[in-house]
């Protein structure tokens, strides 16, 4: 027996079997597009689908469905095959994570908080020694540091 429901976008009455009724129901693709448009529906489009932490859920799902796919041995093999292939312009990584962030977490004894930035004191982004790493609370603090450094070097080293 079909039930009478309304389109979530235009309000038009439609009939659906109970098994076909979803969280959001639309009479046409045009109504679905209107509902999921940020321009046409600025307040409601975001509840159409929750994308928060999707990568974490996908990683977890992957581990459950493919338990033998990314073993430690496989990760080591992939890492070793890619080591030294880059042009040396970007940050060095250790199993997909920037090395300077790993060193910063070891210095702090905890994971970096969202927004915390790691600064290389000597400007060499490949020098990840603990003495060369400075942890800043935000990107704005990091930008201010760079402004002060630029001013210091352009004035000929007269710092007070």
C-alpha atoms as a PDB file:
ATOM      1  CA  UNK A   1       0.000   0.000   0.000  1.00  0.00           C
ATOM      2  CA  UNK A   2       1.450   3.359  -1.056  1.00  0.00           C
ATOM      3  CA  UNK A   3       1.511   6.283   1.308  1.00  0.00           C
ATOM      4  CA  UNK A   4       0.875   9.931   0.482  1.00  0.00           C
ATOM      5  CA  UNK A   5       3.874  12.171   1.299  1.00  0.00           C
ATOM      6  CA  UNK A   6       5.066  15.631   0.251  1.00  0.00           C
ATOM      7  CA  UNK A   7       8.119  16.671  -1.757  1.00  0.00           C
ATOM      8  CA  UNK A   8      10.660  18.235   0.613  1.00  0.00           C
ATOM      9  CA  UNK A   9      11.366  21.057  -1.837  1.00  0.00           C
ATOM     10  CA  UNK A  10       8.135  22.084  -3.588  1.00  0.00           C
ATOM     11  CA  UNK A  11       5.547  20.480  -1.312  1.00  0.00           C
ATOM     12  CA  UNK A  12       3.818  18.580  -4.147  1.00  0.00           C
ATOM     13  CA  UNK A  13       1.975  15.432  -3.002  1.00  0.00           C
ATOM     14  CA  UNK A  14       3.421  12.119  -4.151  1.00  0.00           C
ATOM     15  CA  UNK A  15       2.830   8.464  -3.389  1.00  0.00           C
ATOM     16  CA  UNK A  16       5.542   6.067  -2.266  1.00  0.00           C
ATOM     17  CA  UNK A  17       5.742   2.574  -0.854  1.00  0.00           C
ATOM     18  CA  UNK A  18       6.940   2.598   2.795  1.00  0.00           C
ATOM     19  CA  UNK A  19      10.205   0.935   1.762  1.00  0.00           C
ATOM     20  CA  UNK A  20      10.883   3.793  -0.697  1.00  0.00           C
ATOM     21  CA  UNK A  21      10.440   6.618   1.793  1.00  0.00           C
ATOM     22  CA  UNK A  22      13.792   8.132   2.643  1.00  0.00           C
ATOM     23  CA  UNK A  23      15.030  10.871   4.969  1.00  0.00           C
ATOM     24  CA  UNK A  24      14.406  13.390   2.144  1.00  0.00           C
ATOM     25  CA  UNK A  25      11.874  12.773  -0.625  1.00  0.00           C
ATOM     26  CA  UNK A  26      11.569  14.674  -3.893  1.00  0.00           C
ATOM     27  CA  UNK A  27       9.105  14.573  -6.777  1.00  0.00           C
ATOM     28  CA  UNK A  28      11.806  15.226  -9.399  1.00  0.00           C
ATOM     29  CA  UNK A  29      15.517  15.659  -9.964  1.00  0.00           C
ATOM     30  CA  UNK A  30      14.915  19.389 -10.320  1.00  0.00           C
ATOM     31  CA  UNK A  31      13.537  19.508  -6.758  1.00  0.00           C
ATOM     32  CA  UNK A  32      16.503  17.480  -5.482  1.00  0.00           C
ATOM     33  CA  UNK A  33      18.866  19.921  -7.249  1.00  0.00           C
ATOM     34  CA  UNK A  34      17.018  22.912  -5.780  1.00  0.00           C
ATOM     35  CA  UNK A  35      17.104  21.476  -2.279  1.00  0.00           C
ATOM     36  CA  UNK A  36      20.801  20.615  -2.466  1.00  0.00           C
ATOM     37  CA  UNK A  37      21.797  23.982  -3.973  1.00  0.00           C
ATOM     38  CA  UNK A  38      23.685  26.308  -1.661  1.00  0.00           C
ATOM     39  CA  UNK A  39      22.337  29.318  -3.591  1.00  0.00           C
ATOM     40  CA  UNK A  40      18.662  28.307  -3.586  1.00  0.00           C
ATOM     41  CA  UNK A  41      18.553  26.686  -0.162  1.00  0.00           C
ATOM     42  CA  UNK A  42      21.325  28.201   2.023  1.00  0.00           C
ATOM     43  CA  UNK A  43      19.951  26.857   5.314  1.00  0.00           C
ATOM     44  CA  UNK A  44      18.769  23.381   4.343  1.00  0.00           C
ATOM     45  CA  UNK A  45      21.243  22.067   1.788  1.00  0.00           C
ATOM     46  CA  UNK A  46      23.816  21.107   4.418  1.00  0.00           C
ATOM     47  CA  UNK A  47      21.537  18.586   6.145  1.00  0.00           C
ATOM     48  CA  UNK A  48      21.066  16.644   2.899  1.00  0.00           C
ATOM     49  CA  UNK A  49      24.237  14.688   3.627  1.00  0.00           C
ATOM     50  CA  UNK A  50      26.710  14.859   6.495  1.00  0.00           C
ATOM     51  CA  UNK A  51      30.271  14.982   5.145  1.00  0.00           C
ATOM     52  CA  UNK A  52      31.911  15.578   8.537  1.00  0.00           C
ATOM     53  CA  UNK A  53      34.762  13.166   9.258  1.00  0.00           C
ATOM     54  CA  UNK A  54      34.000  11.232   6.080  1.00  0.00           C
ATOM     55  CA  UNK A  55      37.663  10.312   5.564  1.00  0.00           C
ATOM     56  CA  UNK A  56      37.808   8.754   9.040  1.00  0.00           C
ATOM     57  CA  UNK A  57      34.714   6.685   8.307  1.00  0.00           C
ATOM     58  CA  UNK A  58      36.085   5.593   4.936  1.00  0.00           C
ATOM     59  CA  UNK A  59      39.410   4.558   6.493  1.00  0.00           C
ATOM     60  CA  UNK A  60      37.577   2.568   9.141  1.00  0.00           C
ATOM     61  CA  UNK A  61      35.346   0.941   6.523  1.00  0.00           C
ATOM     62  CA  UNK A  62      38.403   0.115   4.413  1.00  0.00           C
ATOM     63  CA  UNK A  63      40.114  -1.552   7.373  1.00  0.00           C
ATOM     64  CA  UNK A  64      37.027  -3.695   7.998  1.00  0.00           C
ATOM     65  CA  UNK A  65      36.474  -4.675   4.360  1.00  0.00           C
ATOM     66  CA  UNK A  66      40.153  -5.097   3.415  1.00  0.00           C
ATOM     67  CA  UNK A  67      41.953  -6.175   6.600  1.00  0.00           C
ATOM     68  CA  UNK A  68      44.976  -7.497   4.692  1.00  0.00           C
ATOM     69  CA  UNK A  69      45.314  -4.569   2.263  1.00  0.00           C
ATOM     70  CA  UNK A  70      47.338  -1.982   4.190  1.00  0.00           C
ATOM     71  CA  UNK A  71      49.394  -4.004   6.595  1.00  0.00           C
ATOM     72  CA  UNK A  72      52.529  -2.488   8.124  1.00  0.00           C
ATOM     73  CA  UNK A  73      54.647  -4.481   5.681  1.00  0.00           C
ATOM     74  CA  UNK A  74      52.661  -3.093   2.720  1.00  0.00           C
ATOM     75  CA  UNK A  75      52.989   0.461   4.039  1.00  0.00           C
ATOM     76  CA  UNK A  76      56.770   0.035   4.473  1.00  0.00           C
ATOM     77  CA  UNK A  77      57.064  -1.348   0.947  1.00  0.00           C
ATOM     78  CA  UNK A  78      55.105   1.585  -0.512  1.00  0.00           C
ATOM     79  CA  UNK A  79      57.099   4.113   1.508  1.00  0.00           C
ATOM     80  CA  UNK A  80      60.451   2.661   0.464  1.00  0.00           C
ATOM     81  CA  UNK A  81      59.416   2.560  -3.203  1.00  0.00           C
ATOM     82  CA  UNK A  82      58.567   6.290  -3.131  1.00  0.00           C
ATOM     83  CA  UNK A  83      61.495   7.541  -1.014  1.00  0.00           C
ATOM     84  CA  UNK A  84      63.823   9.903  -2.845  1.00  0.00           C
ATOM     85  CA  UNK A  85      61.629  10.224  -5.940  1.00  0.00           C
ATOM     86  CA  UNK A  86      60.498  13.794  -5.304  1.00  0.00           C
ATOM     87  CA  UNK A  87      62.314  16.963  -6.239  1.00  0.00           C
ATOM     88  CA  UNK A  88      62.988  17.872  -2.602  1.00  0.00           C
ATOM     89  CA  UNK A  89      60.818  20.993  -2.651  1.00  0.00           C
ATOM     90  CA  UNK A  90      58.170  19.947  -0.168  1.00  0.00           C
ATOM     91  CA  UNK A  91      58.165  18.689   3.396  1.00  0.00           C
ATOM     92  CA  UNK A  92      59.462  15.199   4.072  1.00  0.00           C
ATOM     93  CA  UNK A  93      56.819  12.695   5.048  1.00  0.00           C
ATOM     94  CA  UNK A  94      56.828   9.611   7.232  1.00  0.00           C
ATOM     95  CA  UNK A  95      54.037   7.196   6.263  1.00  0.00           C
ATOM     96  CA  UNK A  96      51.975  10.034   4.797  1.00  0.00           C
ATOM     97  CA  UNK A  97      52.410  12.466   7.704  1.00  0.00           C
ATOM     98  CA  UNK A  98      54.727  15.485   7.611  1.00  0.00           C
ATOM     99  CA  UNK A  99      57.851  14.706   9.644  1.00  0.00           C
ATOM    100  CA  UNK A 100      58.011  18.152  11.244  1.00  0.00           C
ATOM    101  CA  UNK A 101      54.542  17.595  12.711  1.00  0.00           C
ATOM    102  CA  UNK A 102      55.631  14.235  14.141  1.00  0.00           C
ATOM    103  CA  UNK A 103      58.698  15.882  15.757  1.00  0.00           C
ATOM    104  CA  UNK A 104      56.498  18.688  17.136  1.00  0.00           C
ATOM    105  CA  UNK A 105      54.128  16.133  18.679  1.00  0.00           C
ATOM    106  CA  UNK A 106      57.098  14.378  20.298  1.00  0.00           C
ATOM    107  CA  UNK A 107      58.309  17.708  21.723  1.00  0.00           C
ATOM    108  CA  UNK A 108      54.855  18.491  23.141  1.00  0.00           C
ATOM    109  CA  UNK A 109      54.133  14.937  24.263  1.00  0.00           C
ATOM    110  CA  UNK A 110      50.679  15.134  22.650  1.00  0.00           C
ATOM    111  CA  UNK A 111      49.006  15.468  19.250  1.00  0.00           C
ATOM    112  CA  UNK A 112      48.988  18.906  17.676  1.00  0.00           C
ATOM    113  CA  UNK A 113      45.715  20.758  18.134  1.00  0.00           C
ATOM    114  CA  UNK A 114      43.750  21.949  15.105  1.00  0.00           C
ATOM    115  CA  UNK A 115      45.198  25.278  14.030  1.00  0.00           C
ATOM    116  CA  UNK A 116      48.621  24.796  15.622  1.00  0.00           C
ATOM    117  CA  UNK A 117      51.423  25.522  13.146  1.00  0.00           C
ATOM    118  CA  UNK A 118      54.984  24.218  13.033  1.00  0.00           C
ATOM    119  CA  UNK A 119      57.668  26.767  12.064  1.00  0.00           C
ATOM    120  CA  UNK A 120      61.213  25.927  10.938  1.00  0.00           C
ATOM    121  CA  UNK A 121      63.496  28.427  12.682  1.00  0.00           C
ATOM    122  CA  UNK A 122      66.313  28.310  10.107  1.00  0.00           C
ATOM    123  CA  UNK A 123      63.873  28.374   7.149  1.00  0.00           C
ATOM    124  CA  UNK A 124      64.965  24.936   5.924  1.00  0.00           C
ATOM    125  CA  UNK A 125      61.787  22.855   5.714  1.00  0.00           C
ATOM    126  CA  UNK A 126      63.819  19.656   5.543  1.00  0.00           C
ATOM    127  CA  UNK A 127      65.658  20.324   8.826  1.00  0.00           C
ATOM    128  CA  UNK A 128      63.333  18.605  11.297  1.00  0.00           C
ATOM    129  CA  UNK A 129      65.610  18.570  14.341  1.00  0.00           C
ATOM    130  CA  UNK A 130      63.820  19.502  17.587  1.00  0.00           C
ATOM    131  CA  UNK A 131      66.092  22.556  17.994  1.00  0.00           C
ATOM    132  CA  UNK A 132      64.864  23.913  14.640  1.00  0.00           C
ATOM    133  CA  UNK A 133      61.151  23.525  15.354  1.00  0.00           C
ATOM    134  CA  UNK A 134      58.877  26.128  16.905  1.00  0.00           C
ATOM    135  CA  UNK A 135      55.181  25.405  17.583  1.00  0.00           C
ATOM    136  CA  UNK A 136      52.803  28.345  17.191  1.00  0.00           C
ATOM    137  CA  UNK A 137      49.169  28.537  18.306  1.00  0.00           C
ATOM    138  CA  UNK A 138      47.746  29.787  15.006  1.00  0.00           C
ATOM    139  CA  UNK A 139      48.482  30.653  11.405  1.00  0.00           C
ATOM    140  CA  UNK A 140      48.085  34.369  12.223  1.00  0.00           C
ATOM    141  CA  UNK A 141      50.801  34.073  14.904  1.00  0.00           C
ATOM    142  CA  UNK A 142      52.982  32.342  12.306  1.00  0.00           C
ATOM    143  CA  UNK A 143      52.382  35.146   9.774  1.00  0.00           C
ATOM    144  CA  UNK A 144      53.255  37.799  12.400  1.00  0.00           C
ATOM    145  CA  UNK A 145      56.513  35.957  13.131  1.00  0.00           C
ATOM    146  CA  UNK A 146      57.419  36.051   9.437  1.00  0.00           C
ATOM    147  CA  UNK A 147      56.650  39.795   9.283  1.00  0.00           C
ATOM    148  CA  UNK A 148      58.928  40.430  12.295  1.00  0.00           C
ATOM    149  CA  UNK A 149      61.690  38.288  10.752  1.00  0.00           C
ATOM    150  CA  UNK A 150      61.422  40.128   7.426  1.00  0.00           C
ATOM    151  CA  UNK A 151      61.610  43.493   9.205  1.00  0.00           C
ATOM    152  CA  UNK A 152      64.606  42.303  11.268  1.00  0.00           C
ATOM    153  CA  UNK A 153      66.572  41.193   8.200  1.00  0.00           C
ATOM    154  CA  UNK A 154      65.672  44.245   6.110  1.00  0.00           C
ATOM    155  CA  UNK A 155      66.804  46.666   8.865  1.00  0.00           C
ATOM    156  CA  UNK A 156      70.237  45.082   8.946  1.00  0.00           C
ATOM    157  CA  UNK A 157      69.904  43.015  12.101  1.00  0.00           C
ATOM    158  CA  UNK A 158      69.199  45.745  14.661  1.00  0.00           C
ATOM    159  CA  UNK A 159      66.794  43.977  17.014  1.00  0.00           C
ATOM    160  CA  UNK A 160      65.738  45.249  20.389  1.00  0.00           C
END
